[in-house]
N, C-alpha and C. Protein backbone atom coordinates (compact mmCIF):
# COMPACT_ATOMS: atom_id res chain seq x y z
N MET A 1 191.24 -41.39 -45.05
CA MET A 1 191.92 -42.38 -44.24
C MET A 1 191.70 -42.11 -42.75
N LYS A 2 191.72 -40.84 -42.37
CA LYS A 2 191.50 -40.50 -40.97
C LYS A 2 190.10 -40.89 -40.52
N ARG A 3 189.12 -40.69 -41.40
CA ARG A 3 187.73 -40.99 -41.05
C ARG A 3 187.55 -42.48 -40.76
N ALA A 4 188.15 -43.36 -41.59
CA ALA A 4 188.05 -44.81 -41.37
C ALA A 4 188.66 -45.19 -40.02
N THR A 5 189.79 -44.61 -39.70
CA THR A 5 190.43 -44.89 -38.41
C THR A 5 189.56 -44.41 -37.26
N HIS A 6 188.97 -43.24 -37.42
CA HIS A 6 188.08 -42.69 -36.39
C HIS A 6 186.87 -43.59 -36.17
N GLN A 7 186.29 -44.11 -37.27
CA GLN A 7 185.13 -44.99 -37.16
C GLN A 7 185.49 -46.30 -36.47
N SER A 8 186.66 -46.87 -36.82
CA SER A 8 187.06 -48.12 -36.17
C SER A 8 187.35 -47.89 -34.69
N ASN A 9 187.87 -46.72 -34.34
CA ASN A 9 188.09 -46.40 -32.92
C ASN A 9 186.77 -46.28 -32.18
N ASN A 10 185.75 -45.69 -32.83
CA ASN A 10 184.43 -45.59 -32.21
C ASN A 10 183.84 -46.97 -31.95
N LYS A 11 184.01 -47.90 -32.90
CA LYS A 11 183.50 -49.26 -32.72
C LYS A 11 184.19 -49.94 -31.55
N ALA A 12 185.49 -49.77 -31.46
CA ALA A 12 186.24 -50.37 -30.36
C ALA A 12 185.79 -49.80 -29.03
N VAL A 13 185.56 -48.49 -28.98
CA VAL A 13 185.11 -47.85 -27.75
C VAL A 13 183.72 -48.33 -27.38
N SER A 14 182.82 -48.45 -28.37
CA SER A 14 181.45 -48.89 -28.07
C SER A 14 181.43 -50.34 -27.57
N LYS A 15 182.29 -51.20 -28.12
CA LYS A 15 182.38 -52.58 -27.63
C LYS A 15 182.87 -52.59 -26.19
N HIS A 16 183.86 -51.75 -25.90
CA HIS A 16 184.40 -51.67 -24.54
C HIS A 16 183.32 -51.17 -23.58
N ILE A 17 182.54 -50.19 -23.99
CA ILE A 17 181.47 -49.67 -23.15
C ILE A 17 180.41 -50.75 -22.92
N SER A 18 180.11 -51.53 -23.96
CA SER A 18 179.10 -52.58 -23.83
C SER A 18 179.54 -53.64 -22.83
N ILE A 19 180.77 -54.08 -22.93
CA ILE A 19 181.27 -55.08 -21.99
C ILE A 19 181.30 -54.49 -20.58
N HIS A 20 181.71 -53.24 -20.46
CA HIS A 20 181.72 -52.58 -19.15
C HIS A 20 180.31 -52.51 -18.58
N ALA A 21 179.33 -52.18 -19.44
CA ALA A 21 177.94 -52.10 -18.98
C ALA A 21 177.43 -53.46 -18.52
N LEU A 22 177.79 -54.53 -19.25
CA LEU A 22 177.38 -55.88 -18.85
C LEU A 22 177.96 -56.23 -17.48
N VAL A 23 179.24 -55.97 -17.30
CA VAL A 23 179.88 -56.29 -16.02
C VAL A 23 179.26 -55.47 -14.90
N LYS A 24 179.05 -54.18 -15.15
CA LYS A 24 178.48 -53.30 -14.13
C LYS A 24 177.08 -53.75 -13.74
N ARG A 25 176.25 -54.09 -14.75
CA ARG A 25 174.88 -54.50 -14.47
C ARG A 25 174.82 -55.84 -13.75
N ALA A 26 175.67 -56.77 -14.17
CA ALA A 26 175.65 -58.10 -13.58
C ALA A 26 176.16 -58.10 -12.14
N THR A 27 177.04 -57.18 -11.83
CA THR A 27 177.63 -57.17 -10.49
C THR A 27 177.06 -56.07 -9.61
N ALA A 28 176.06 -55.35 -10.08
CA ALA A 28 175.51 -54.22 -9.32
C ALA A 28 174.93 -54.67 -7.98
N SER A 29 174.23 -55.78 -7.98
CA SER A 29 173.58 -56.22 -6.74
C SER A 29 174.35 -57.35 -6.05
N THR A 30 175.54 -57.63 -6.53
CA THR A 30 176.33 -58.72 -5.97
C THR A 30 177.50 -58.18 -5.16
N VAL A 31 177.56 -58.59 -3.92
CA VAL A 31 178.72 -58.23 -3.09
C VAL A 31 179.69 -59.39 -3.18
N TYR A 32 180.89 -59.10 -3.65
CA TYR A 32 181.85 -60.19 -3.81
C TYR A 32 183.19 -59.81 -3.20
N HIS A 33 183.93 -60.83 -2.82
CA HIS A 33 185.25 -60.63 -2.23
C HIS A 33 186.30 -60.85 -3.31
N SER A 34 187.52 -60.47 -3.04
CA SER A 34 188.58 -60.56 -4.04
C SER A 34 188.85 -61.99 -4.47
N ASN A 35 188.59 -62.96 -3.62
CA ASN A 35 188.84 -64.36 -3.99
C ASN A 35 187.63 -64.98 -4.69
N ALA A 36 186.53 -64.24 -4.84
CA ALA A 36 185.34 -64.80 -5.48
C ALA A 36 184.92 -63.95 -6.68
N CYS A 37 185.89 -63.50 -7.48
CA CYS A 37 185.61 -62.62 -8.62
C CYS A 37 185.51 -63.37 -9.94
N CYS A 38 185.44 -64.68 -9.90
CA CYS A 38 185.42 -65.46 -11.14
C CYS A 38 183.99 -65.61 -11.65
N ILE A 39 183.56 -64.65 -12.46
CA ILE A 39 182.22 -64.72 -13.06
C ILE A 39 182.42 -64.94 -14.55
N SER A 40 181.80 -65.96 -15.09
CA SER A 40 181.99 -66.25 -16.51
C SER A 40 181.28 -65.23 -17.38
N ILE A 41 181.77 -65.07 -18.60
CA ILE A 41 181.15 -64.14 -19.56
C ILE A 41 179.72 -64.56 -19.82
N HIS A 42 179.47 -65.86 -19.92
CA HIS A 42 178.12 -66.36 -20.16
C HIS A 42 177.17 -65.92 -19.05
N ALA A 43 177.62 -66.02 -17.82
CA ALA A 43 176.78 -65.62 -16.69
C ALA A 43 176.51 -64.12 -16.72
N LEU A 44 177.51 -63.34 -17.09
CA LEU A 44 177.32 -61.89 -17.18
C LEU A 44 176.27 -61.54 -18.23
N VAL A 45 176.41 -62.14 -19.41
CA VAL A 45 175.47 -61.85 -20.50
C VAL A 45 174.08 -62.34 -20.13
N LYS A 46 173.99 -63.54 -19.55
CA LYS A 46 172.68 -64.10 -19.19
C LYS A 46 171.97 -63.22 -18.16
N ARG A 47 172.70 -62.79 -17.15
CA ARG A 47 172.08 -61.97 -16.11
C ARG A 47 171.68 -60.59 -16.62
N ALA A 48 172.53 -60.00 -17.46
CA ALA A 48 172.27 -58.65 -17.95
C ALA A 48 171.13 -58.63 -18.96
N THR A 49 170.94 -59.72 -19.69
CA THR A 49 169.92 -59.72 -20.75
C THR A 49 168.64 -60.44 -20.37
N SER A 50 168.59 -61.07 -19.20
CA SER A 50 167.40 -61.86 -18.85
C SER A 50 166.16 -60.98 -18.75
N PHE A 51 166.30 -59.78 -18.21
CA PHE A 51 165.16 -58.88 -18.08
C PHE A 51 164.69 -58.39 -19.44
N ILE A 52 165.64 -58.13 -20.35
CA ILE A 52 165.30 -57.69 -21.71
C ILE A 52 164.53 -58.79 -22.44
N VAL A 53 164.96 -60.03 -22.30
CA VAL A 53 164.27 -61.16 -22.94
C VAL A 53 162.86 -61.28 -22.38
N TYR A 54 162.69 -61.07 -21.09
CA TYR A 54 161.37 -61.13 -20.46
C TYR A 54 160.44 -60.07 -21.04
N ILE A 55 160.97 -58.86 -21.22
CA ILE A 55 160.15 -57.78 -21.79
C ILE A 55 159.74 -58.11 -23.22
N ILE A 56 160.68 -58.62 -24.01
CA ILE A 56 160.37 -58.97 -25.40
C ILE A 56 159.33 -60.08 -25.44
N LEU A 57 159.44 -61.06 -24.56
CA LEU A 57 158.46 -62.15 -24.50
C LEU A 57 157.08 -61.62 -24.16
N CYS A 58 156.99 -60.74 -23.18
CA CYS A 58 155.70 -60.14 -22.81
C CYS A 58 155.12 -59.33 -23.95
N LEU A 59 155.98 -58.62 -24.67
CA LEU A 59 155.53 -57.83 -25.81
C LEU A 59 154.96 -58.73 -26.90
N CYS A 60 155.62 -59.86 -27.17
CA CYS A 60 155.13 -60.80 -28.18
C CYS A 60 153.79 -61.38 -27.77
N ILE A 61 153.64 -61.72 -26.49
CA ILE A 61 152.36 -62.25 -26.00
C ILE A 61 151.27 -61.20 -26.14
N SER A 62 151.59 -59.95 -25.84
CA SER A 62 150.61 -58.87 -25.96
C SER A 62 150.19 -58.67 -27.40
N ILE A 63 151.14 -58.69 -28.33
CA ILE A 63 150.81 -58.53 -29.74
C ILE A 63 149.94 -59.70 -30.21
N HIS A 64 150.28 -60.91 -29.77
CA HIS A 64 149.48 -62.08 -30.13
C HIS A 64 148.05 -61.93 -29.62
N ALA A 65 147.90 -61.46 -28.38
CA ALA A 65 146.56 -61.28 -27.81
C ALA A 65 145.77 -60.22 -28.58
N LEU A 66 146.43 -59.14 -28.99
CA LEU A 66 145.75 -58.10 -29.76
C LEU A 66 145.29 -58.64 -31.12
N VAL A 67 146.15 -59.39 -31.78
CA VAL A 67 145.79 -59.96 -33.09
C VAL A 67 144.64 -60.94 -32.92
N LYS A 68 144.71 -61.78 -31.90
CA LYS A 68 143.65 -62.75 -31.66
C LYS A 68 142.32 -62.05 -31.40
N ARG A 69 142.35 -61.01 -30.58
CA ARG A 69 141.12 -60.28 -30.27
C ARG A 69 140.57 -59.57 -31.51
N ALA A 70 141.45 -59.00 -32.31
CA ALA A 70 141.02 -58.30 -33.53
C ALA A 70 140.42 -59.27 -34.54
N THR A 71 140.98 -60.46 -34.64
CA THR A 71 140.45 -61.42 -35.61
C THR A 71 139.17 -62.05 -35.11
N LEU A 72 138.97 -62.15 -33.80
CA LEU A 72 137.70 -62.64 -33.28
C LEU A 72 136.58 -61.66 -33.60
N CYS A 73 136.87 -60.37 -33.50
CA CYS A 73 135.87 -59.35 -33.83
C CYS A 73 135.50 -59.39 -35.30
N ASP A 74 136.46 -59.69 -36.16
CA ASP A 74 136.20 -59.77 -37.60
C ASP A 74 135.34 -60.98 -37.94
N ASN A 75 135.49 -62.06 -37.18
CA ASN A 75 134.75 -63.28 -37.48
C ASN A 75 133.30 -63.21 -37.02
N VAL A 76 132.98 -62.32 -36.11
CA VAL A 76 131.63 -62.22 -35.56
C VAL A 76 130.72 -61.46 -36.46
């Protein structure tokens, strides 16, 4: 019983850390005043993950180029 409670506590802590990391990353380069702190969750997630999506997209393009090049060599 203690182990299940410990695992659920770890999940709660990791979710809290993830949200904290999103907020920290999204606001790292933004100087804001106390009256301009209304940043939506969508904007936080979009800003924090946009670079990751870009990397994944570049990786997919690179894999596609490698496959295309490899199959061209096979056809020759």
